[in-house]
Amino acid sequence: SSGNITTGTTILQAINSAVSSSTQVIFSQNGTGGEGADVAIVVI
């Protein structure tokens, strides 16, 4: 099933852990609002 079904790390959580403290991570489920980003990571 979808959702927070057990203990673990989602890809978004992993991205937040991987980047430097100066990097801004913005999440938009439907993909709108990405203007100005250096890169988009789309998980589908």
All heavy atoms as atom14 arrays in JSON, in Angstrom:
{
  "sequence": "SSGNITTGTTILQAINSAVSSSTQVIFSQNGTGGEGADVAIVVI",
  "atom14_mask": [
    [1, 1, 1, 1, 1, 1, 0, 0, 0, 0, 0, 0, 0, 0],
    [1, 1, 1, 1, 1, 1, 0, 0, 0, 0, 0, 0, 0, 0],
    [1, 1, 1, 1, 0, 0, 0, 0, 0, 0, 0, 0, 0, 0],
    [1, 1, 1, 1, 1, 1, 1, 1, 0, 0, 0, 0, 0, 0],
    [1, 1, 1, 1, 1, 1, 1, 1, 0, 0, 0, 0, 0, 0],
    [1, 1, 1, 1, 1, 1, 1, 0, 0, 0, 0, 0, 0, 0],
    [1, 1, 1, 1, 1, 1, 1, 0, 0, 0, 0, 0, 0, 0],
    [1, 1, 1, 1, 0, 0, 0, 0, 0, 0, 0, 0, 0, 0],
    [1, 1, 1, 1, 1, 1, 1, 0, 0, 0, 0, 0, 0, 0],
    [1, 1, 1, 1, 1, 1, 1, 0, 0, 0, 0, 0, 0, 0],
    [1, 1, 1, 1, 1, 1, 1, 1, 0, 0, 0, 0, 0, 0],
    [1, 1, 1, 1, 1, 1, 1, 1, 0, 0, 0, 0, 0, 0],
    [1, 1, 1, 1, 1, 1, 1, 1, 1, 0, 0, 0, 0, 0],
    [1, 1, 1, 1, 1, 0, 0, 0, 0, 0, 0, 0, 0, 0],
    [1, 1, 1, 1, 1, 1, 1, 1, 0, 0, 0, 0, 0, 0],
    [1, 1, 1, 1, 1, 1, 1, 1, 0, 0, 0, 0, 0, 0],
    [1, 1, 1, 1, 1, 1, 0, 0, 0, 0, 0, 0, 0, 0],
    [1, 1, 1, 1, 1, 0, 0, 0, 0, 0, 0, 0, 0, 0],
    [1, 1, 1, 1, 1, 1, 1, 0, 0, 0, 0, 0, 0, 0],
    [1, 1, 1, 1, 1, 1, 0, 0, 0, 0, 0, 0, 0, 0],
    [1, 1, 1, 1, 1, 1, 0, 0, 0, 0, 0, 0, 0, 0],
    [1, 1, 1, 1, 1, 1, 0, 0, 0, 0, 0, 0, 0, 0],
    [1, 1, 1, 1, 1, 1, 1, 0, 0, 0, 0, 0, 0, 0],
    [1, 1, 1, 1, 1, 1, 1, 1, 1, 0, 0, 0, 0, 0],
    [1, 1, 1, 1, 1, 1, 1, 0, 0, 0, 0, 0, 0, 0],
    [1, 1, 1, 1, 1, 1, 1, 1, 0, 0, 0, 0, 0, 0],
    [1, 1, 1, 1, 1, 1, 1, 1, 1, 1, 1, 0, 0, 0],
    [1, 1, 1, 1, 1, 1, 0, 0, 0, 0, 0, 0, 0, 0],
    [1, 1, 1, 1, 1, 1, 1, 1, 1, 0, 0, 0, 0, 0],
    [1, 1, 1, 1, 1, 1, 1, 1, 0, 0, 0, 0, 0, 0],
    [1, 1, 1, 1, 0, 0, 0, 0, 0, 0, 0, 0, 0, 0],
    [1, 1, 1, 1, 1, 1, 1, 0, 0, 0, 0, 0, 0, 0],
    [1, 1, 1, 1, 0, 0, 0, 0, 0, 0, 0, 0, 0, 0],
    [1, 1, 1, 1, 0, 0, 0, 0, 0, 0, 0, 0, 0, 0],
    [1, 1, 1, 1, 1, 1, 1, 1, 1, 0, 0, 0, 0, 0],
    [1, 1, 1, 1, 0, 0, 0, 0, 0, 0, 0, 0, 0, 0],
    [1, 1, 1, 1, 1, 0, 0, 0, 0, 0, 0, 0, 0, 0],
    [1, 1, 1, 1, 1, 1, 1, 1, 0, 0, 0, 0, 0, 0],
    [1, 1, 1, 1, 1, 1, 1, 0, 0, 0, 0, 0, 0, 0],
    [1, 1, 1, 1, 1, 0, 0, 0, 0, 0, 0, 0, 0, 0],
    [1, 1, 1, 1, 1, 1, 1, 1, 0, 0, 0, 0, 0, 0],
    [1, 1, 1, 1, 1, 1, 1, 0, 0, 0, 0, 0, 0, 0],
    [1, 1, 1, 1, 1, 1, 1, 0, 0, 0, 0, 0, 0, 0],
    [1, 1, 1, 1, 1, 1, 1, 1, 0, 0, 0, 0, 0, 0]
  ],
  "atom14_positions": [
    [[0.85, -1.2, 0.0], [0.0, 0.0, 0.0], [0.87, 1.24, 0.0], [2.04, 1.2, 0.39], [-0.94, 0.02, 1.22], [-0.21, -0.03, 2.42], [0.0, 0.0, 0.0], [0.0, 0.0, 0.0], [0.0, 0.0, 0.0], [0.0, 0.0, 0.0], [0.0, 0.0, 0.0], [0.0, 0.0, 0.0], [0.0, 0.0, 0.0], [0.0, 0.0, 0.0]],
    [[0.3, 2.33, -0.44], [1.01, 3.6, -0.45], [1.1, 4.16, 0.97], [0.36, 3.76, 1.86], [0.29, 4.61, -1.36], [0.23, 4.12, -2.69], [0.0, 0.0, 0.0], [0.0, 0.0, 0.0], [0.0, 0.0, 0.0], [0.0, 0.0, 0.0], [0.0, 0.0, 0.0], [0.0, 0.0, 0.0], [0.0, 0.0, 0.0], [0.0, 0.0, 0.0]],
    [[2.03, 5.09, 1.15], [2.1, 5.81, 2.42], [3.22, 5.37, 3.33], [4.07, 4.55, 2.97], [0.0, 0.0, 0.0], [0.0, 0.0, 0.0], [0.0, 0.0, 0.0], [0.0, 0.0, 0.0], [0.0, 0.0, 0.0], [0.0, 0.0, 0.0], [0.0, 0.0, 0.0], [0.0, 0.0, 0.0], [0.0, 0.0, 0.0], [0.0, 0.0, 0.0]],
    [[3.16, 5.86, 4.53], [4.22, 5.64, 5.52], [3.95, 4.33, 6.26], [3.58, 4.32, 7.44], [4.26, 6.84, 6.48], [5.46, 6.78, 7.4], [6.48, 6.2, 7.08], [5.32, 7.39, 8.57], [0.0, 0.0, 0.0], [0.0, 0.0, 0.0], [0.0, 0.0, 0.0], [0.0, 0.0, 0.0], [0.0, 0.0, 0.0], [0.0, 0.0, 0.0]],
    [[4.15, 3.23, 5.57], [3.7, 1.94, 6.08], [4.69, 1.27, 7.03], [4.34, 0.35, 7.75], [3.38, 0.97, 4.92], [4.64, 0.72, 4.06], [2.23, 1.52, 4.08], [4.44, -0.35, 3.01], [0.0, 0.0, 0.0], [0.0, 0.0, 0.0], [0.0, 0.0, 0.0], [0.0, 0.0, 0.0], [0.0, 0.0, 0.0], [0.0, 0.0, 0.0]],
    [[5.94, 1.71, 7.03], [6.94, 1.08, 7.89], [8.07, 2.07, 8.12], [7.94, 3.27, 7.83], [7.43, -0.25, 7.28], [8.29, -0.92, 8.23], [8.19, -0.04, 5.98], [0.0, 0.0, 0.0], [0.0, 0.0, 0.0], [0.0, 0.0, 0.0], [0.0, 0.0, 0.0], [0.0, 0.0, 0.0], [0.0, 0.0, 0.0], [0.0, 0.0, 0.0]],
    [[9.19, 1.59, 8.64], [10.32, 2.45, 8.95], [11.28, 2.48, 7.76], [11.68, 1.43, 7.26], [11.07, 1.93, 10.19], [10.14, 1.84, 11.27], [12.2, 2.86, 10.57], [0.0, 0.0, 0.0], [0.0, 0.0, 0.0], [0.0, 0.0, 0.0], [0.0, 0.0, 0.0], [0.0, 0.0, 0.0], [0.0, 0.0, 0.0], [0.0, 0.0, 0.0]],
    [[11.65, 3.69, 7.33], [12.58, 3.77, 6.21], [12.78, 5.22, 5.78], [12.34, 6.16, 6.45], [0.0, 0.0, 0.0], [0.0, 0.0, 0.0], [0.0, 0.0, 0.0], [0.0, 0.0, 0.0], [0.0, 0.0, 0.0], [0.0, 0.0, 0.0], [0.0, 0.0, 0.0], [0.0, 0.0, 0.0], [0.0, 0.0, 0.0], [0.0, 0.0, 0.0]],
    [[13.45, 5.38, 4.65], [13.8, 6.7, 4.13], [13.27, 6.85, 2.71], [13.63, 6.06, 1.82], [15.33, 6.88, 4.11], [15.85, 6.65, 5.42], [15.72, 8.28, 3.66], [0.0, 0.0, 0.0], [0.0, 0.0, 0.0], [0.0, 0.0, 0.0], [0.0, 0.0, 0.0], [0.0, 0.0, 0.0], [0.0, 0.0, 0.0], [0.0, 0.0, 0.0]],
    [[12.42, 7.83, 2.48], [11.93, 8.08, 1.14], [13.02, 8.75, 0.31], [14.02, 9.26, 0.84], [10.68, 8.98, 1.13], [11.06, 10.29, 1.56], [9.59, 8.43, 2.04], [0.0, 0.0, 0.0], [0.0, 0.0, 0.0], [0.0, 0.0, 0.0], [0.0, 0.0, 0.0], [0.0, 0.0, 0.0], [0.0, 0.0, 0.0], [0.0, 0.0, 0.0]],
    [[12.82, 8.78, -0.99], [13.81, 9.42, -1.86], [13.9, 10.92, -1.57], [15.0, 11.49, -1.55], [13.47, 9.13, -3.34], [13.69, 7.63, -3.61], [14.33, 9.96, -4.28], [13.22, 7.16, -4.97], [0.0, 0.0, 0.0], [0.0, 0.0, 0.0], [0.0, 0.0, 0.0], [0.0, 0.0, 0.0], [0.0, 0.0, 0.0], [0.0, 0.0, 0.0]],
    [[12.77, 11.57, -1.31], [12.81, 12.99, -0.95], [13.61, 13.21, 0.33], [14.44, 14.13, 0.42], [11.39, 13.54, -0.79], [11.3, 15.0, -0.35], [11.95, 15.94, -1.37], [9.84, 15.4, -0.11], [0.0, 0.0, 0.0], [0.0, 0.0, 0.0], [0.0, 0.0, 0.0], [0.0, 0.0, 0.0], [0.0, 0.0, 0.0], [0.0, 0.0, 0.0]],
    [[13.37, 12.38, 1.33], [14.14, 12.49, 2.57], [15.63, 12.26, 2.31], [16.49, 12.94, 2.88], [13.62, 11.48, 3.6], [12.24, 11.81, 4.13], [11.62, 10.67, 4.92], [11.97, 9.5, 4.74], [10.69, 11.0, 5.8], [0.0, 0.0, 0.0], [0.0, 0.0, 0.0], [0.0, 0.0, 0.0], [0.0, 0.0, 0.0], [0.0, 0.0, 0.0]],
    [[15.93, 11.31, 1.43], [17.33, 11.03, 1.1], [17.97, 12.21, 0.38], [19.16, 12.53, 0.6], [17.41, 9.77, 0.24], [0.0, 0.0, 0.0], [0.0, 0.0, 0.0], [0.0, 0.0, 0.0], [0.0, 0.0, 0.0], [0.0, 0.0, 0.0], [0.0, 0.0, 0.0], [0.0, 0.0, 0.0], [0.0, 0.0, 0.0], [0.0, 0.0, 0.0]],
    [[17.21, 12.88, -0.49], [17.72, 14.06, -1.2], [18.07, 15.15, -0.19], [19.14, 15.77, -0.25], [16.69, 14.57, -2.22], [16.58, 13.58, -3.39], [17.08, 15.96, -2.74], [15.41, 13.86, -4.32], [0.0, 0.0, 0.0], [0.0, 0.0, 0.0], [0.0, 0.0, 0.0], [0.0, 0.0, 0.0], [0.0, 0.0, 0.0], [0.0, 0.0, 0.0]],
    [[17.2, 15.4, 0.75], [17.46, 16.41, 1.77], [18.7, 16.09, 2.6], [19.43, 17.0, 3.03], [16.24, 16.56, 2.69], [15.16, 17.43, 2.09], [15.4, 18.57, 1.74], [13.95, 16.88, 1.95], [0.0, 0.0, 0.0], [0.0, 0.0, 0.0], [0.0, 0.0, 0.0], [0.0, 0.0, 0.0], [0.0, 0.0, 0.0], [0.0, 0.0, 0.0]],
    [[18.97, 14.79, 2.79], [20.15, 14.39, 3.55], [21.43, 14.48, 2.71], [22.52, 14.64, 3.26], [20.0, 12.95, 4.06], [18.91, 12.85, 4.95], [0.0, 0.0, 0.0], [0.0, 0.0, 0.0], [0.0, 0.0, 0.0], [0.0, 0.0, 0.0], [0.0, 0.0, 0.0], [0.0, 0.0, 0.0], [0.0, 0.0, 0.0], [0.0, 0.0, 0.0]],
    [[21.28, 14.36, 1.39], [22.46, 14.28, 0.52], [23.07, 15.63, 0.2], [24.27, 15.73, -0.05], [22.09, 13.57, -0.78], [0.0, 0.0, 0.0], [0.0, 0.0, 0.0], [0.0, 0.0, 0.0], [0.0, 0.0, 0.0], [0.0, 0.0, 0.0], [0.0, 0.0, 0.0], [0.0, 0.0, 0.0], [0.0, 0.0, 0.0], [0.0, 0.0, 0.0]],
    [[22.26, 16.68, 0.19], [22.74, 17.97, -0.3], [23.41, 18.76, 0.81], [23.28, 18.44, 2.0], [21.59, 18.8, -0.91], [20.97, 18.06, -2.08], [20.52, 19.1, 0.15], [0.0, 0.0, 0.0], [0.0, 0.0, 0.0], [0.0, 0.0, 0.0], [0.0, 0.0, 0.0], [0.0, 0.0, 0.0], [0.0, 0.0, 0.0], [0.0, 0.0, 0.0]],
    [[24.11, 19.82, 0.42], [24.76, 20.67, 1.41], [23.72, 21.52, 2.14], [22.58, 21.67, 1.68], [25.77, 21.58, 0.72], [25.1, 22.57, -0.06], [0.0, 0.0, 0.0], [0.0, 0.0, 0.0], [0.0, 0.0, 0.0], [0.0, 0.0, 0.0], [0.0, 0.0, 0.0], [0.0, 0.0, 0.0], [0.0, 0.0, 0.0], [0.0, 0.0, 0.0]],
    [[24.13, 22.08, 3.26], [23.21, 22.87, 4.08], [22.75, 24.14, 3.37], [21.72, 24.72, 3.72], [23.86, 23.23, 5.41], [25.06, 23.95, 5.18], [0.0, 0.0, 0.0], [0.0, 0.0, 0.0], [0.0, 0.0, 0.0], [0.0, 0.0, 0.0], [0.0, 0.0, 0.0], [0.0, 0.0, 0.0], [0.0, 0.0, 0.0], [0.0, 0.0, 0.0]],
    [[23.5, 24.55, 2.35], [23.15, 25.78, 1.63], [22.2, 25.53, 0.46], [21.73, 26.48, -0.16], [24.42, 26.45, 1.1], [25.1, 25.59, 0.18], [0.0, 0.0, 0.0], [0.0, 0.0, 0.0], [0.0, 0.0, 0.0], [0.0, 0.0, 0.0], [0.0, 0.0, 0.0], [0.0, 0.0, 0.0], [0.0, 0.0, 0.0], [0.0, 0.0, 0.0]],
    [[21.93, 24.27, 0.16], [21.06, 23.95, -0.97], [19.59, 23.98, -0.55], [19.21, 23.39, 0.46], [21.41, 22.55, -1.54], [22.75, 22.55, -1.98], [20.5, 22.21, -2.7], [0.0, 0.0, 0.0], [0.0, 0.0, 0.0], [0.0, 0.0, 0.0], [0.0, 0.0, 0.0], [0.0, 0.0, 0.0], [0.0, 0.0, 0.0], [0.0, 0.0, 0.0]],
    [[18.78, 24.64, -1.34], [17.33, 24.69, -1.1], [16.66, 23.57, -1.87], [16.84, 23.43, -3.08], [16.78, 26.04, -1.54], [15.29, 26.23, -1.27], [14.77, 27.56, -1.8], [15.45, 28.23, -2.58], [13.57, 27.95, -1.37], [0.0, 0.0, 0.0], [0.0, 0.0, 0.0], [0.0, 0.0, 0.0], [0.0, 0.0, 0.0], [0.0, 0.0, 0.0]],
    [[15.89, 22.73, -1.18], [15.14, 21.65, -1.81], [13.66, 21.99, -1.73], [13.11, 22.2, -0.65], [15.41, 20.29, -1.13], [14.54, 19.2, -1.77], [16.88, 19.92, -1.22], [0.0, 0.0, 0.0], [0.0, 0.0, 0.0], [0.0, 0.0, 0.0], [0.0, 0.0, 0.0], [0.0, 0.0, 0.0], [0.0, 0.0, 0.0], [0.0, 0.0, 0.0]],
    [[13.01, 22.08, -2.89], [11.59, 22.41, -2.98], [10.85, 21.21, -3.55], [11.28, 20.62, -4.55], [11.36, 23.64, -3.87], [12.04, 24.87, -3.26], [9.87, 23.91, -4.07], [12.0, 26.09, -4.15], [0.0, 0.0, 0.0], [0.0, 0.0, 0.0], [0.0, 0.0, 0.0], [0.0, 0.0, 0.0], [0.0, 0.0, 0.0], [0.0, 0.0, 0.0]],
    [[9.75, 20.83, -2.92], [8.96, 19.68, -3.39], [7.57, 20.14, -3.84], [6.87, 20.85, -3.12], [8.81, 18.64, -2.29], [7.9, 17.49, -2.66], [8.17, 16.7, -3.77], [6.78, 17.21, -1.9], [7.34, 15.64, -4.11], [5.95, 16.14, -2.22], [6.22, 15.36, -3.34], [0.0, 0.0, 0.0], [0.0, 0.0, 0.0], [0.0, 0.0, 0.0]],
    [[7.2, 19.73, -5.05], [5.86, 19.95, -5.57], [5.41, 18.66, -6.25], [5.98, 18.27, -7.26], [5.85, 21.1, -6.59], [4.64, 21.11, -7.33], [0.0, 0.0, 0.0], [0.0, 0.0, 0.0], [0.0, 0.0, 0.0], [0.0, 0.0, 0.0], [0.0, 0.0, 0.0], [0.0, 0.0, 0.0], [0.0, 0.0, 0.0], [0.0, 0.0, 0.0]],
    [[4.42, 18.0, -5.68], [4.05, 16.68, -6.19], [3.64, 16.72, -7.65], [3.99, 15.82, -8.43], [2.91, 16.1, -5.34], [2.6, 14.65, -5.67], [1.84, 13.97, -4.54], [2.26, 13.99, -3.4], [0.7, 13.39, -4.88], [0.0, 0.0, 0.0], [0.0, 0.0, 0.0], [0.0, 0.0, 0.0], [0.0, 0.0, 0.0], [0.0, 0.0, 0.0]],
    [[2.95, 17.77, -8.09], [2.45, 17.8, -9.47], [3.41, 18.48, -10.44], [3.11, 18.63, -11.62], [1.08, 18.48, -9.53], [1.15, 19.97, -9.24], [2.22, 20.55, -9.03], [-0.02, 20.61, -9.21], [0.0, 0.0, 0.0], [0.0, 0.0, 0.0], [0.0, 0.0, 0.0], [0.0, 0.0, 0.0], [0.0, 0.0, 0.0], [0.0, 0.0, 0.0]],
    [[4.58, 18.9, -9.96], [5.61, 19.42, -10.85], [5.51, 20.88, -11.2], [6.29, 21.37, -12.03], [0.0, 0.0, 0.0], [0.0, 0.0, 0.0], [0.0, 0.0, 0.0], [0.0, 0.0, 0.0], [0.0, 0.0, 0.0], [0.0, 0.0, 0.0], [0.0, 0.0, 0.0], [0.0, 0.0, 0.0], [0.0, 0.0, 0.0], [0.0, 0.0, 0.0]],
    [[4.59, 21.6, -10.6], [4.49, 23.04, -10.88], [5.37, 23.82, -9.91], [5.53, 23.42, -8.75], [3.04, 23.53, -10.74], [2.56, 23.24, -9.42], [2.14, 22.87, -11.77], [0.0, 0.0, 0.0], [0.0, 0.0, 0.0], [0.0, 0.0, 0.0], [0.0, 0.0, 0.0], [0.0, 0.0, 0.0], [0.0, 0.0, 0.0], [0.0, 0.0, 0.0]],
    [[5.92, 24.92, -10.4], [6.69, 25.8, -9.52], [8.18, 25.55, -9.51], [8.86, 25.94, -8.56], [0.0, 0.0, 0.0], [0.0, 0.0, 0.0], [0.0, 0.0, 0.0], [0.0, 0.0, 0.0], [0.0, 0.0, 0.0], [0.0, 0.0, 0.0], [0.0, 0.0, 0.0], [0.0, 0.0, 0.0], [0.0, 0.0, 0.0], [0.0, 0.0, 0.0]],
    [[8.7, 24.95, -10.56], [10.11, 24.61, -10.58], [11.02, 25.66, -11.18], [12.24, 25.45, -11.27], [0.0, 0.0, 0.0], [0.0, 0.0, 0.0], [0.0, 0.0, 0.0], [0.0, 0.0, 0.0], [0.0, 0.0, 0.0], [0.0, 0.0, 0.0], [0.0, 0.0, 0.0], [0.0, 0.0, 0.0], [0.0, 0.0, 0.0], [0.0, 0.0, 0.0]],
    [[10.47, 26.8, -11.56], [11.28, 27.83, -12.22], [12.45, 28.25, -11.34], [12.3, 28.45, -10.13], [10.41, 29.05, -12.54], [9.34, 28.81, -13.6], [8.09, 28.14, -13.07], [7.99, 27.92, -11.82], [7.2, 27.82, -13.89], [0.0, 0.0, 0.0], [0.0, 0.0, 0.0], [0.0, 0.0, 0.0], [0.0, 0.0, 0.0], [0.0, 0.0, 0.0]],
    [[13.6, 28.39, -11.98], [14.77, 28.88, -11.28], [15.6, 27.83, -10.59], [16.66, 28.14, -10.03], [0.0, 0.0, 0.0], [0.0, 0.0, 0.0], [0.0, 0.0, 0.0], [0.0, 0.0, 0.0], [0.0, 0.0, 0.0], [0.0, 0.0, 0.0], [0.0, 0.0, 0.0], [0.0, 0.0, 0.0], [0.0, 0.0, 0.0], [0.0, 0.0, 0.0]],
    [[15.16, 26.59, -10.62], [15.95, 25.52, -9.99], [17.13, 25.14, -10.89], [17.09, 25.32, -12.11], [15.07, 24.3, -9.74], [0.0, 0.0, 0.0], [0.0, 0.0, 0.0], [0.0, 0.0, 0.0], [0.0, 0.0, 0.0], [0.0, 0.0, 0.0], [0.0, 0.0, 0.0], [0.0, 0.0, 0.0], [0.0, 0.0, 0.0], [0.0, 0.0, 0.0]],
    [[18.18, 24.63, -10.26], [19.33, 24.15, -11.02], [19.02, 22.83, -11.71], [19.53, 22.56, -12.8], [20.53, 23.96, -10.09], [20.99, 25.26, -9.48], [21.38, 26.16, -10.24], [20.95, 25.37, -8.24], [0.0, 0.0, 0.0], [0.0, 0.0, 0.0], [0.0, 0.0, 0.0], [0.0, 0.0, 0.0], [0.0, 0.0, 0.0], [0.0, 0.0, 0.0]],
    [[18.2, 22.02, -11.08], [17.83, 20.71, -11.63], [16.52, 20.27, -11.01], [16.18, 20.67, -9.89], [18.94, 19.67, -11.36], [19.04, 19.33, -9.87], [18.74, 18.39, -12.18], [0.0, 0.0, 0.0], [0.0, 0.0, 0.0], [0.0, 0.0, 0.0], [0.0, 0.0, 0.0], [0.0, 0.0, 0.0], [0.0, 0.0, 0.0], [0.0, 0.0, 0.0]],
    [[15.76, 19.47, -11.74], [14.55, 18.84, -11.21], [14.77, 17.34, -11.13], [15.33, 16.73, -12.05], [13.35, 19.15, -12.1], [0.0, 0.0, 0.0], [0.0, 0.0, 0.0], [0.0, 0.0, 0.0], [0.0, 0.0, 0.0], [0.0, 0.0, 0.0], [0.0, 0.0, 0.0], [0.0, 0.0, 0.0], [0.0, 0.0, 0.0], [0.0, 0.0, 0.0]],
    [[14.33, 16.75, -10.02], [14.34, 15.3, -9.86], [12.89, 14.86, -9.76], [12.18, 15.26, -8.82], [15.13, 14.87, -8.6], [16.58, 15.34, -8.7], [15.07, 13.35, -8.43], [17.38, 15.11, -7.43], [0.0, 0.0, 0.0], [0.0, 0.0, 0.0], [0.0, 0.0, 0.0], [0.0, 0.0, 0.0], [0.0, 0.0, 0.0], [0.0, 0.0, 0.0]],
    [[12.43, 14.09, -10.73], [11.02, 13.71, -10.81], [10.92, 12.2, -10.6], [11.49, 11.41, -11.36], [10.42, 14.1, -12.18], [8.94, 13.8, -12.2], [10.67, 15.59, -12.46], [0.0, 0.0, 0.0], [0.0, 0.0, 0.0], [0.0, 0.0, 0.0], [0.0, 0.0, 0.0], [0.0, 0.0, 0.0], [0.0, 0.0, 0.0], [0.0, 0.0, 0.0]],
    [[10.19, 11.8, -9.56], [10.1, 10.4, -9.18], [8.68, 9.91, -9.47], [7.72, 10.31, -8.8], [10.45, 10.19, -7.69], [10.64, 8.7, -7.4], [11.72, 10.97, -7.32], [0.0, 0.0, 0.0], [0.0, 0.0, 0.0], [0.0, 0.0, 0.0], [0.0, 0.0, 0.0], [0.0, 0.0, 0.0], [0.0, 0.0, 0.0], [0.0, 0.0, 0.0]],
    [[8.56, 9.05, -10.47], [7.25, 8.61, -10.96], [7.24, 7.09, -11.09], [8.22, 6.42, -10.78], [6.91, 9.27, -12.31], [8.0, 8.93, -13.35], [6.75, 10.77, -12.16], [7.7, 9.4, -14.75], [0.0, 0.0, 0.0], [0.0, 0.0, 0.0], [0.0, 0.0, 0.0], [0.0, 0.0, 0.0], [0.0, 0.0, 0.0], [0.0, 0.0, 0.0]]
  ]
}
